[in-house]
Amino acid sequence: MRSVNHVASRAKRKKMMKHAKGYFGRRKNVWTVSKNAVEKGWQYAYRDRKVKKREFRSLWIQRINAGARVYGMSYSQFMGKLATAGIEINRKVLADLAMNEPKAFKAIVDKVK
């Protein structure tokens, strides 16, 4: 007779089914369907952790561009002048200043003009 470790295989399935909690229809309670759904979800999660970084950078650029255009400068001109002025502030901080601290952002713009 073949020895099968039912305790371990059941535990493995149970762990996977726990991840499928909250899914709709057979995705939540049928082993093969939920296993595929969970694995696909993990693929999306892995991919989108990278996509998230791109999307935030693009959002920051849009906000800096909007802030710079108020003072008659495009994004590329502003970033170019920042570099030549030797001011090293990352886009995340610049975008935050442009949105929430317009006076501080204006001070940076005046400095590079």
PDB file of N, CA and C in Angstrom:
ATOM      1  N   MET A   1       0.842  -1.191   0.000  1.00  0.00           N
ATOM      2  CA  MET A   1       0.000   0.000   0.000  1.00  0.00           C
ATOM      3  C   MET A   1       0.886   1.252   0.000  1.00  0.00           C
ATOM      4  N   ARG A   2       0.462   2.255  -0.750  1.00  0.00           N
ATOM      5  CA  ARG A   2       1.215   3.483  -0.892  1.00  0.00           C
ATOM      6  C   ARG A   2       0.985   4.380   0.310  1.00  0.00           C
ATOM      7  N   SER A   3       2.045   5.008   0.795  1.00  0.00           N
ATOM      8  CA  SER A   3       1.916   5.911   1.940  1.00  0.00           C
ATOM      9  C   SER A   3       1.702   7.334   1.425  1.00  0.00           C
ATOM     10  N   VAL A   4       0.593   7.954   1.827  1.00  0.00           N
ATOM     11  CA  VAL A   4       0.273   9.306   1.401  1.00  0.00           C
ATOM     12  C   VAL A   4       0.111  10.182   2.642  1.00  0.00           C
ATOM     13  N   ASN A   5       0.800  11.281   2.652  1.00  0.00           N
ATOM     14  CA  ASN A   5       0.739  12.171   3.815  1.00  0.00           C
ATOM     15  C   ASN A   5      -0.471  13.103   3.684  1.00  0.00           C
ATOM     16  N   HIS A   6      -1.647  12.604   4.097  1.00  0.00           N
ATOM     17  CA  HIS A   6      -2.870  13.389   3.959  1.00  0.00           C
ATOM     18  C   HIS A   6      -2.864  14.636   4.834  1.00  0.00           C
ATOM     19  N   VAL A   7      -2.209  14.558   5.971  1.00  0.00           N
ATOM     20  CA  VAL A   7      -2.175  15.710   6.877  1.00  0.00           C
ATOM     21  C   VAL A   7      -1.502  16.894   6.185  1.00  0.00           C
ATOM     22  N   ALA A   8      -0.361  16.658   5.569  1.00  0.00           N
ATOM     23  CA  ALA A   8       0.397  17.726   4.918  1.00  0.00           C
ATOM     24  C   ALA A   8      -0.326  18.253   3.682  1.00  0.00           C
ATOM     25  N   SER A   9      -0.868  17.351   2.858  1.00  0.00           N
ATOM     26  CA  SER A   9      -1.514  17.807   1.626  1.00  0.00           C
ATOM     27  C   SER A   9      -2.799  18.574   1.931  1.00  0.00           C
ATOM     28  N   ARG A  10      -3.502  18.128   2.965  1.00  0.00           N
ATOM     29  CA  ARG A  10      -4.722  18.847   3.380  1.00  0.00           C
ATOM     30  C   ARG A  10      -4.362  20.242   3.909  1.00  0.00           C
ATOM     31  N   ALA A  11      -3.302  20.314   4.680  1.00  0.00           N
ATOM     32  CA  ALA A  11      -2.860  21.590   5.244  1.00  0.00           C
ATOM     33  C   ALA A  11      -2.465  22.557   4.126  1.00  0.00           C
ATOM     34  N   LYS A  12      -1.796  22.002   3.113  1.00  0.00           N
ATOM     35  CA  LYS A  12      -1.347  22.802   1.976  1.00  0.00           C
ATOM     36  C   LYS A  12      -2.558  23.391   1.234  1.00  0.00           C
ATOM     37  N   ARG A  13      -3.579  22.533   1.026  1.00  0.00           N
ATOM     38  CA  ARG A  13      -4.793  22.994   0.354  1.00  0.00           C
ATOM     39  C   ARG A  13      -5.523  24.037   1.198  1.00  0.00           C
ATOM     40  N   LYS A  14      -5.585  23.773   2.490  1.00  0.00           N
ATOM     41  CA  LYS A  14      -6.294  24.659   3.409  1.00  0.00           C
ATOM     42  C   LYS A  14      -5.656  26.057   3.409  1.00  0.00           C
ATOM     43  N   LYS A  15      -4.320  26.057   3.366  1.00  0.00           N
ATOM     44  CA  LYS A  15      -3.585  27.319   3.358  1.00  0.00           C
ATOM     45  C   LYS A  15      -3.910  28.118   2.086  1.00  0.00           C
ATOM     46  N   MET A  16      -3.963  27.418   0.953  1.00  0.00           N
ATOM     47  CA  MET A  16      -4.269  28.074  -0.313  1.00  0.00           C
ATOM     48  C   MET A  16      -5.716  28.584  -0.334  1.00  0.00           C
ATOM     49  N   MET A  17      -6.643  27.776   0.210  1.00  0.00           N
ATOM     50  CA  MET A  17      -8.056  28.153   0.223  1.00  0.00           C
ATOM     51  C   MET A  17      -8.285  29.382   1.115  1.00  0.00           C
ATOM     52  N   LYS A  18      -7.453  29.507   2.136  1.00  0.00           N
ATOM     53  CA  LYS A  18      -7.543  30.670   3.023  1.00  0.00           C
ATOM     54  C   LYS A  18      -7.277  31.957   2.230  1.00  0.00           C
ATOM     55  N   HIS A  19      -6.354  31.875   1.261  1.00  0.00           N
ATOM     56  CA  HIS A  19      -6.037  33.033   0.422  1.00  0.00           C
ATOM     57  C   HIS A  19      -7.179  33.374  -0.527  1.00  0.00           C
ATOM     58  N   ALA A  20      -8.030  32.383  -0.824  1.00  0.00           N
ATOM     59  CA  ALA A  20      -9.136  32.601  -1.767  1.00  0.00           C
ATOM     60  C   ALA A  20     -10.386  33.129  -1.069  1.00  0.00           C
ATOM     61  N   LYS A  21     -10.293  33.372   0.226  1.00  0.00           N
ATOM     62  CA  LYS A  21     -11.446  33.855   0.985  1.00  0.00           C
ATOM     63  C   LYS A  21     -11.905  35.203   0.422  1.00  0.00           C
ATOM     64  N   GLY A  22     -13.202  35.328   0.211  1.00  0.00           N
ATOM     65  CA  GLY A  22     -13.745  36.570  -0.315  1.00  0.00           C
ATOM     66  C   GLY A  22     -13.885  36.580  -1.818  1.00  0.00           C
ATOM     67  N   TYR A  23     -13.391  35.542  -2.503  1.00  0.00           N
ATOM     68  CA  TYR A  23     -13.555  35.454  -3.942  1.00  0.00           C
ATOM     69  C   TYR A  23     -14.998  35.071  -4.254  1.00  0.00           C
ATOM     70  N   PHE A  24     -15.439  35.309  -5.496  1.00  0.00           N
ATOM     71  CA  PHE A  24     -16.825  35.072  -5.899  1.00  0.00           C
ATOM     72  C   PHE A  24     -16.985  33.709  -6.575  1.00  0.00           C
ATOM     73  N   GLY A  25     -18.108  33.068  -6.290  1.00  0.00           N
ATOM     74  CA  GLY A  25     -18.456  31.822  -6.975  1.00  0.00           C
ATOM     75  C   GLY A  25     -17.528  30.679  -6.621  1.00  0.00           C
ATOM     76  N   ARG A  26     -17.218  29.856  -7.625  1.00  0.00           N
ATOM     77  CA  ARG A  26     -16.397  28.668  -7.365  1.00  0.00           C
ATOM     78  C   ARG A  26     -14.951  29.002  -7.030  1.00  0.00           C
ATOM     79  N   ARG A  27     -14.563  30.240  -7.267  1.00  0.00           N
ATOM     80  CA  ARG A  27     -13.181  30.645  -6.979  1.00  0.00           C
ATOM     81  C   ARG A  27     -12.869  30.518  -5.495  1.00  0.00           C
ATOM     82  N   LYS A  28     -13.906  30.571  -4.654  1.00  0.00           N
ATOM     83  CA  LYS A  28     -13.656  30.544  -3.213  1.00  0.00           C
ATOM     84  C   LYS A  28     -13.695  29.151  -2.601  1.00  0.00           C
ATOM     85  N   ASN A  29     -14.337  28.172  -3.281  1.00  0.00           N
ATOM     86  CA  ASN A  29     -14.498  26.878  -2.605  1.00  0.00           C
ATOM     87  C   ASN A  29     -14.158  25.635  -3.420  1.00  0.00           C
ATOM     88  N   VAL A  30     -13.799  25.774  -4.686  1.00  0.00           N
ATOM     89  CA  VAL A  30     -13.387  24.618  -5.491  1.00  0.00           C
ATOM     90  C   VAL A  30     -11.869  24.671  -5.646  1.00  0.00           C
ATOM     91  N   TRP A  31     -11.206  23.615  -5.208  1.00  0.00           N
ATOM     92  CA  TRP A  31      -9.742  23.607  -5.106  1.00  0.00           C
ATOM     93  C   TRP A  31      -9.032  24.063  -6.368  1.00  0.00           C
ATOM     94  N   THR A  32      -9.302  23.427  -7.520  1.00  0.00           N
ATOM     95  CA  THR A  32      -8.535  23.744  -8.727  1.00  0.00           C
ATOM     96  C   THR A  32      -8.799  25.175  -9.182  1.00  0.00           C
ATOM     97  N   VAL A  33     -10.063  25.594  -9.104  1.00  0.00           N
ATOM     98  CA  VAL A  33     -10.415  26.945  -9.545  1.00  0.00           C
ATOM     99  C   VAL A  33      -9.776  27.985  -8.623  1.00  0.00           C
ATOM    100  N   SER A  34      -9.883  27.757  -7.310  1.00  0.00           N
ATOM    101  CA  SER A  34      -9.345  28.749  -6.373  1.00  0.00           C
ATOM    102  C   SER A  34      -7.823  28.791  -6.424  1.00  0.00           C
ATOM    103  N   LYS A  35      -7.191  27.641  -6.637  1.00  0.00           N
ATOM    104  CA  LYS A  35      -5.723  27.610  -6.734  1.00  0.00           C
ATOM    105  C   LYS A  35      -5.265  28.474  -7.906  1.00  0.00           C
ATOM    106  N   ASN A  36      -5.929  28.308  -9.042  1.00  0.00           N
ATOM    107  CA  ASN A  36      -5.584  29.115 -10.227  1.00  0.00           C
ATOM    108  C   ASN A  36      -5.840  30.596  -9.974  1.00  0.00           C
ATOM    109  N   ALA A  37      -6.969  30.893  -9.335  1.00  0.00           N
ATOM    110  CA  ALA A  37      -7.332  32.291  -9.085  1.00  0.00           C
ATOM    111  C   ALA A  37      -6.328  32.962  -8.151  1.00  0.00           C
ATOM    112  N   VAL A  38      -5.934  32.240  -7.102  1.00  0.00           N
ATOM    113  CA  VAL A  38      -4.989  32.798  -6.128  1.00  0.00           C
ATOM    114  C   VAL A  38      -3.619  33.002  -6.773  1.00  0.00           C
ATOM    115  N   GLU A  39      -3.163  32.018  -7.538  1.00  0.00           N
ATOM    116  CA  GLU A  39      -1.848  32.138  -8.192  1.00  0.00           C
ATOM    117  C   GLU A  39      -1.842  33.294  -9.185  1.00  0.00           C
ATOM    118  N   LYS A  40      -2.942  33.453  -9.920  1.00  0.00           N
ATOM    119  CA  LYS A  40      -3.048  34.566 -10.867  1.00  0.00           C
ATOM    120  C   LYS A  40      -3.029  35.891 -10.109  1.00  0.00           C
ATOM    121  N   GLY A  41      -3.709  35.915  -8.965  1.00  0.00           N
ATOM    122  CA  GLY A  41      -3.716  37.117  -8.132  1.00  0.00           C
ATOM    123  C   GLY A  41      -2.323  37.482  -7.663  1.00  0.00           C
ATOM    124  N   TRP A  42      -1.542  36.470  -7.312  1.00  0.00           N
ATOM    125  CA  TRP A  42      -0.158  36.716  -6.873  1.00  0.00           C
ATOM    126  C   TRP A  42       0.689  37.251  -8.023  1.00  0.00           C
ATOM    127  N   GLN A  43       0.409  36.759  -9.248  1.00  0.00           N
ATOM    128  CA  GLN A  43       1.139  37.263 -10.418  1.00  0.00           C
ATOM    129  C   GLN A  43       0.853  38.750 -10.611  1.00  0.00           C
ATOM    130  N   TYR A  44      -0.432  39.099 -10.512  1.00  0.00           N
ATOM    131  CA  TYR A  44      -0.810  40.503 -10.664  1.00  0.00           C
ATOM    132  C   TYR A  44      -0.184  41.360  -9.567  1.00  0.00           C
ATOM    133  N   ALA A  45      -0.182  40.835  -8.347  1.00  0.00           N
ATOM    134  CA  ALA A  45       0.368  41.590  -7.214  1.00  0.00           C
ATOM    135  C   ALA A  45       1.859  41.853  -7.427  1.00  0.00           C
ATOM    136  N   TYR A  46       2.580  40.832  -7.896  1.00  0.00           N
ATOM    137  CA  TYR A  46       4.021  40.965  -8.141  1.00  0.00           C
ATOM    138  C   TYR A  46       4.269  42.010  -9.228  1.00  0.00           C
ATOM    139  N   ARG A  47       3.521  41.879 -10.341  1.00  0.00           N
ATOM    140  CA  ARG A  47       3.689  42.800 -11.459  1.00  0.00           C
ATOM    141  C   ARG A  47       3.349  44.230 -11.042  1.00  0.00           C
ATOM    142  N   ASP A  48       2.233  44.379 -10.322  1.00  0.00           N
ATOM    143  CA  ASP A  48       1.747  45.722 -10.028  1.00  0.00           C
ATOM    144  C   ASP A  48       2.512  46.425  -8.921  1.00  0.00           C
ATOM    145  N   ARG A  49       3.321  45.690  -8.164  1.00  0.00           N
ATOM    146  CA  ARG A  49       4.214  46.369  -7.215  1.00  0.00           C
ATOM    147  C   ARG A  49       5.233  47.193  -7.985  1.00  0.00           C
ATOM    148  N   LYS A  50       5.585  46.724  -9.174  1.00  0.00           N
ATOM    149  CA  LYS A  50       6.511  47.482 -10.016  1.00  0.00           C
ATOM    150  C   LYS A  50       5.780  48.610 -10.747  1.00  0.00           C
ATOM    151  N   VAL A  51       4.565  48.317 -11.232  1.00  0.00           N
ATOM    152  CA  VAL A  51       3.767  49.298 -11.970  1.00  0.00           C
ATOM    153  C   VAL A  51       3.430  50.493 -11.078  1.00  0.00           C
ATOM    154  N   LYS A  52       3.165  50.214  -9.799  1.00  0.00           N
ATOM    155  CA  LYS A  52       2.828  51.251  -8.824  1.00  0.00           C
ATOM    156  C   LYS A  52       3.910  52.332  -8.781  1.00  0.00           C
ATOM    157  N   LYS A  53       5.161  51.920  -8.831  1.00  0.00           N
ATOM    158  CA  LYS A  53       6.272  52.870  -8.780  1.00  0.00           C
ATOM    159  C   LYS A  53       6.254  53.782 -10.006  1.00  0.00           C
ATOM    160  N   ARG A  54       5.970  53.187 -11.185  1.00  0.00           N
ATOM    161  CA  ARG A  54       5.895  53.980 -12.420  1.00  0.00           C
ATOM    162  C   ARG A  54       4.756  54.981 -12.347  1.00  0.00           C
ATOM    163  N   GLU A  55       3.604  54.502 -11.854  1.00  0.00           N
ATOM    164  CA  GLU A  55       2.420  55.359 -11.817  1.00  0.00           C
ATOM    165  C   GLU A  55       2.616  56.532 -10.870  1.00  0.00           C
ATOM    166  N   PHE A  56       3.259  56.291  -9.738  1.00  0.00           N
ATOM    167  CA  PHE A  56       3.503  57.386  -8.795  1.00  0.00           C
ATOM    168  C   PHE A  56       4.474  58.398  -9.365  1.00  0.00           C
ATOM    169  N   ARG A  57       5.531  57.923 -10.026  1.00  0.00           N
ATOM    170  CA  ARG A  57       6.492  58.846 -10.628  1.00  0.00           C
ATOM    171  C   ARG A  57       5.787  59.732 -11.649  1.00  0.00           C
ATOM    172  N   SER A  58       4.908  59.126 -12.449  1.00  0.00           N
ATOM    173  CA  SER A  58       4.195  59.882 -13.478  1.00  0.00           C
ATOM    174  C   SER A  58       3.255  60.914 -12.836  1.00  0.00           C
ATOM    175  N   LEU A  59       2.634  60.553 -11.714  1.00  0.00           N
ATOM    176  CA  LEU A  59       1.762  61.475 -10.983  1.00  0.00           C
ATOM    177  C   LEU A  59       2.571  62.662 -10.449  1.00  0.00           C
ATOM    178  N   TRP A  60       3.747  62.354  -9.883  1.00  0.00           N
ATOM    179  CA  TRP A  60       4.605  63.424  -9.354  1.00  0.00           C
ATOM    180  C   TRP A  60       5.003  64.386 -10.466  1.00  0.00           C
ATOM    181  N   ILE A  61       5.342  63.840 -11.634  1.00  0.00           N
ATOM    182  CA  ILE A  61       5.756  64.676 -12.767  1.00  0.00           C
ATOM    183  C   ILE A  61       4.609  65.599 -13.187  1.00  0.00           C
ATOM    184  N   GLN A  62       3.383  65.063 -13.233  1.00  0.00           N
ATOM    185  CA  GLN A  62       2.222  65.883 -13.603  1.00  0.00           C
ATOM    186  C   GLN A  62       2.014  67.015 -12.605  1.00  0.00           C
ATOM    187  N   ARG A  63       2.185  66.721 -11.331  1.00  0.00           N
ATOM    188  CA  ARG A  63       1.981  67.740 -10.296  1.00  0.00           C
ATOM    189  C   ARG A  63       3.058  68.818 -10.356  1.00  0.00           C
ATOM    190  N   ILE A  64       4.311  68.400 -10.588  1.00  0.00           N
ATOM    191  CA  ILE A  64       5.410  69.376 -10.697  1.00  0.00           C
ATOM    192  C   ILE A  64       5.187  70.249 -11.927  1.00  0.00           C
ATOM    193  N   ASN A  65       4.773  69.632 -13.021  1.00  0.00           N
ATOM    194  CA  ASN A  65       4.511  70.354 -14.266  1.00  0.00           C
ATOM    195  C   ASN A  65       3.433  71.415 -14.044  1.00  0.00           C
ATOM    196  N   ALA A  66       2.345  71.021 -13.374  1.00  0.00           N
ATOM    197  CA  ALA A  66       1.266  71.969 -13.100  1.00  0.00           C
ATOM    198  C   ALA A  66       1.766  73.115 -12.232  1.00  0.00           C
ATOM    199  N   GLY A  67       2.566  72.786 -11.225  1.00  0.00           N
ATOM    200  CA  GLY A  67       3.113  73.805 -10.329  1.00  0.00           C
ATOM    201  C   GLY A  67       4.059  74.747 -11.050  1.00  0.00           C
ATOM    202  N   ALA A  68       4.888  74.205 -11.943  1.00  0.00           N
ATOM    203  CA  ALA A  68       5.881  75.018 -12.659  1.00  0.00           C
ATOM    204  C   ALA A  68       5.203  75.927 -13.678  1.00  0.00           C
ATOM    205  N   ARG A  69       4.150  75.445 -14.313  1.00  0.00           N
ATOM    206  CA  ARG A  69       3.464  76.234 -15.341  1.00  0.00           C
ATOM    207  C   ARG A  69       2.769  77.472 -14.768  1.00  0.00           C
ATOM    208  N   VAL A  70       2.425  77.420 -13.488  1.00  0.00           N
ATOM    209  CA  VAL A  70       1.852  78.602 -12.823  1.00  0.00           C
ATOM    210  C   VAL A  70       2.849  79.762 -12.894  1.00  0.00           C
ATOM    211  N   TYR A  71       4.137  79.437 -12.866  1.00  0.00           N
ATOM    212  CA  TYR A  71       5.192  80.455 -12.896  1.00  0.00           C
ATOM    213  C   TYR A  71       5.854  80.560 -14.270  1.00  0.00           C
ATOM    214  N   GLY A  72       5.133  80.116 -15.320  1.00  0.00           N
ATOM    215  CA  GLY A  72       5.579  80.293 -16.703  1.00  0.00           C
ATOM    216  C   GLY A  72       6.747  79.425 -17.125  1.00  0.00           C
ATOM    217  N   MET A  73       6.802  78.230 -16.575  1.00  0.00           N
ATOM    218  CA  MET A  73       7.889  77.309 -16.921  1.00  0.00           C
ATOM    219  C   MET A  73       7.307  75.932 -17.186  1.00  0.00           C
ATOM    220  N   SER A  74       7.895  75.204 -18.123  1.00  0.00           N
ATOM    221  CA  SER A  74       7.438  73.826 -18.331  1.00  0.00           C
ATOM    222  C   SER A  74       8.199  72.915 -17.366  1.00  0.00           C
ATOM    223  N   TYR A  75       7.742  71.688 -17.280  1.00  0.00           N
ATOM    224  CA  TYR A  75       8.387  70.707 -16.391  1.00  0.00           C
ATOM    225  C   TYR A  75       9.850  70.510 -16.766  1.00  0.00           C
ATOM    226  N   SER A  76      10.099  70.324 -18.073  1.00  0.00           N
ATOM    227  CA  SER A  76      11.468  70.025 -18.502  1.00  0.00           C
ATOM    228  C   SER A  76      12.409  71.211 -18.263  1.00  0.00           C
ATOM    229  N   GLN A  77      11.904  72.416 -18.506  1.00  0.00           N
ATOM    230  CA  GLN A  77      12.721  73.607 -18.237  1.00  0.00           C
ATOM    231  C   GLN A  77      13.042  73.708 -16.748  1.00  0.00           C
ATOM    232  N   PHE A  78      12.024  73.476 -15.936  1.00  0.00           N
ATOM    233  CA  PHE A  78      12.179  73.563 -14.478  1.00  0.00           C
ATOM    234  C   PHE A  78      13.198  72.549 -13.977  1.00  0.00           C
ATOM    235  N   MET A  79      13.080  71.296 -14.425  1.00  0.00           N
ATOM    236  CA  MET A  79      13.998  70.247 -13.977  1.00  0.00           C
ATOM    237  C   MET A  79      15.420  70.508 -14.479  1.00  0.00           C
ATOM    238  N   GLY A  80      15.522  71.039 -15.693  1.00  0.00           N
ATOM    239  CA  GLY A  80      16.836  71.379 -16.234  1.00  0.00           C
ATOM    240  C   GLY A  80      17.514  72.459 -15.416  1.00  0.00           C
ATOM    241  N   LYS A  81      16.749  73.490 -15.067  1.00  0.00           N
ATOM    242  CA  LYS A  81      17.302  74.593 -14.277  1.00  0.00           C
ATOM    243  C   LYS A  81      17.634  74.160 -12.846  1.00  0.00           C
ATOM    244  N   LEU A  82      16.838  73.228 -12.318  1.00  0.00           N
ATOM    245  CA  LEU A  82      17.133  72.673 -10.981  1.00  0.00           C
ATOM    246  C   LEU A  82      18.501  72.007 -10.993  1.00  0.00           C
ATOM    247  N   ALA A  83      18.755  71.231 -12.052  1.00  0.00           N
ATOM    248  CA  ALA A  83      20.022  70.505 -12.161  1.00  0.00           C
ATOM    249  C   ALA A  83      21.200  71.462 -12.278  1.00  0.00           C
ATOM    250  N   THR A  84      21.047  72.498 -13.119  1.00  0.00           N
ATOM    251  CA  THR A  84      22.156  73.445 -13.292  1.00  0.00           C
ATOM    252  C   THR A  84      22.388  74.270 -12.023  1.00  0.00           C
ATOM    253  N   ALA A  85      21.300  74.515 -11.264  1.00  0.00           N
ATOM    254  CA  ALA A  85      21.434  75.259 -10.000  1.00  0.00           C
ATOM    255  C   ALA A  85      22.034  74.381  -8.900  1.00  0.00           C
ATOM    256  N   GLY A  86      22.100  73.080  -9.164  1.00  0.00           N
ATOM    257  CA  GLY A  86      22.678  72.154  -8.187  1.00  0.00           C
ATOM    258  C   GLY A  86      21.746  71.839  -7.030  1.00  0.00           C
ATOM    259  N   ILE A  87      20.445  71.988  -7.263  1.00  0.00           N
ATOM    260  CA  ILE A  87      19.462  71.673  -6.214  1.00  0.00           C
ATOM    261  C   ILE A  87      19.011  70.230  -6.406  1.00  0.00           C
ATOM    262  N   GLU A  88      19.260  69.426  -5.402  1.00  0.00           N
ATOM    263  CA  GLU A  88      18.904  68.003  -5.501  1.00  0.00           C
ATOM    264  C   GLU A  88      17.709  67.689  -4.613  1.00  0.00           C
ATOM    265  N   ILE A  89      16.518  67.863  -5.175  1.00  0.00           N
ATOM    266  CA  ILE A  89      15.285  67.483  -4.470  1.00  0.00           C
ATOM    267  C   ILE A  89      14.580  66.478  -5.364  1.00  0.00           C
ATOM    268  N   ASN A  90      14.158  65.364  -4.790  1.00  0.00           N
ATOM    269  CA  ASN A  90      13.513  64.356  -5.636  1.00  0.00           C
ATOM    270  C   ASN A  90      12.097  64.769  -6.021  1.00  0.00           C
ATOM    271  N   ARG A  91      11.547  64.065  -7.011  1.00  0.00           N
ATOM    272  CA  ARG A  91      10.243  64.413  -7.570  1.00  0.00           C
ATOM    273  C   ARG A  91       9.117  64.271  -6.557  1.00  0.00           C
ATOM    274  N   LYS A  92       9.249  63.284  -5.663  1.00  0.00           N
ATOM    275  CA  LYS A  92       8.210  63.060  -4.657  1.00  0.00           C
ATOM    276  C   LYS A  92       8.051  64.295  -3.775  1.00  0.00           C
ATOM    277  N   VAL A  93       9.165  64.825  -3.318  1.00  0.00           N
ATOM    278  CA  VAL A  93       9.146  65.997  -2.435  1.00  0.00           C
ATOM    279  C   VAL A  93       8.693  67.234  -3.205  1.00  0.00           C
ATOM    280  N   LEU A  94       9.187  67.394  -4.432  1.00  0.00           N
ATOM    281  CA  LEU A  94       8.789  68.547  -5.247  1.00  0.00           C
ATOM    282  C   LEU A  94       7.281  68.557  -5.499  1.00  0.00           C
ATOM    283  N   ALA A  95       6.735  67.378  -5.808  1.00  0.00           N
ATOM    284  CA  ALA A  95       5.298  67.264  -6.067  1.00  0.00           C
ATOM    285  C   ALA A  95       4.506  67.616  -4.812  1.00  0.00           C
ATOM    286  N   ASP A  96       4.996  67.172  -3.671  1.00  0.00           N
ATOM    287  CA  ASP A  96       4.319  67.468  -2.409  1.00  0.00           C
ATOM    288  C   ASP A  96       4.344  68.969  -2.129  1.00  0.00           C
ATOM    289  N   LEU A  97       5.483  69.595  -2.386  1.00  0.00           N
ATOM    290  CA  LEU A  97       5.599  71.042  -2.190  1.00  0.00           C
ATOM    291  C   LEU A  97       4.664  71.787  -3.143  1.00  0.00           C
ATOM    292  N   ALA A  98       4.638  71.367  -4.404  1.00  0.00           N
ATOM    293  CA  ALA A  98       3.803  72.030  -5.409  1.00  0.00           C
ATOM    294  C   ALA A  98       2.332  71.984  -5.011  1.00  0.00           C
ATOM    295  N   MET A  99       1.915  70.871  -4.415  1.00  0.00           N
ATOM    296  CA  MET A  99       0.510  70.720  -4.030  1.00  0.00           C
ATOM    297  C   MET A  99       0.186  71.388  -2.704  1.00  0.00           C
ATOM    298  N   ASN A 100       0.991  71.109  -1.687  1.00  0.00           N
ATOM    299  CA  ASN A 100       0.619  71.477  -0.320  1.00  0.00           C
ATOM    300  C   ASN A 100       1.328  72.710   0.232  1.00  0.00           C
ATOM    301  N   GLU A 101       2.479  73.053  -0.348  1.00  0.00           N
ATOM    302  CA  GLU A 101       3.239  74.217   0.146  1.00  0.00           C
ATOM    303  C   GLU A 101       3.602  75.132  -1.029  1.00  0.00           C
ATOM    304  N   PRO A 102       2.610  75.828  -1.607  1.00  0.00           N
ATOM    305  CA  PRO A 102       2.883  76.636  -2.805  1.00  0.00           C
ATOM    306  C   PRO A 102       3.949  77.718  -2.586  1.00  0.00           C
ATOM    307  N   LYS A 103       4.025  78.263  -1.370  1.00  0.00           N
ATOM    308  CA  LYS A 103       5.024  79.315  -1.093  1.00  0.00           C
ATOM    309  C   LYS A 103       6.440  78.741  -1.173  1.00  0.00           C
ATOM    310  N   ALA A 104       6.617  77.564  -0.593  1.00  0.00           N
ATOM    311  CA  ALA A 104       7.935  76.914  -0.635  1.00  0.00           C
ATOM    312  C   ALA A 104       8.313  76.555  -2.068  1.00  0.00           C
ATOM    313  N   PHE A 105       7.323  76.094  -2.839  1.00  0.00           N
ATOM    314  CA  PHE A 105       7.578  75.734  -4.246  1.00  0.00           C
ATOM    315  C   PHE A 105       7.955  76.989  -5.040  1.00  0.00           C
ATOM    316  N   LYS A 106       7.253  78.084  -4.760  1.00  0.00           N
ATOM    317  CA  LYS A 106       7.553  79.366  -5.455  1.00  0.00           C
ATOM    318  C   LYS A 106       8.979  79.803  -5.132  1.00  0.00           C
ATOM    319  N   ALA A 107       9.410  79.606  -3.897  1.00  0.00           N
ATOM    320  CA  ALA A 107      10.771  79.975  -3.494  1.00  0.00           C
ATOM    321  C   ALA A 107      11.802  79.185  -4.301  1.00  0.00           C
ATOM    322  N   ILE A 108      11.519  77.898  -4.545  1.00  0.00           N
ATOM    323  CA  ILE A 108      12.426  77.071  -5.355  1.00  0.00           C
ATOM    324  C   ILE A 108      12.435  77.564  -6.785  1.00  0.00           C
ATOM    325  N   VAL A 109      11.260  77.877  -7.323  1.00  0.00           N
ATOM    326  CA  VAL A 109      11.152  78.370  -8.715  1.00  0.00           C
ATOM    327  C   VAL A 109      11.929  79.676  -8.860  1.00  0.00           C
ATOM    328  N   ASP A 110      11.747  80.582  -7.891  1.00  0.00           N
ATOM    329  CA  ASP A 110      12.456  81.883  -7.938  1.00  0.00           C
ATOM    330  C   ASP A 110      13.965  81.690  -7.877  1.00  0.00           C
ATOM    331  N   LYS A 111      14.389  80.708  -7.118  1.00  0.00           N
ATOM    332  CA  LYS A 111      15.831  80.438  -6.973  1.00  0.00           C
ATOM    333  C   LYS A 111      16.455  79.968  -8.294  1.00  0.00           C
ATOM    334  N   VAL A 112      15.700  79.159  -9.050  1.00  0.00           N
ATOM    335  CA  VAL A 112      16.271  78.617 -10.305  1.00  0.00           C
ATOM    336  C   VAL A 112      16.088  79.535 -11.501  1.00  0.00           C
ATOM    337  N   LYS A 113      15.180  80.510 -11.409  1.00  0.00           N
ATOM    338  CA  LYS A 113      14.916  81.393 -12.544  1.00  0.00           C
ATOM    339  C   LYS A 113      16.115  82.286 -12.860  1.00  0.00           C
TER     340      LYS A 113
END
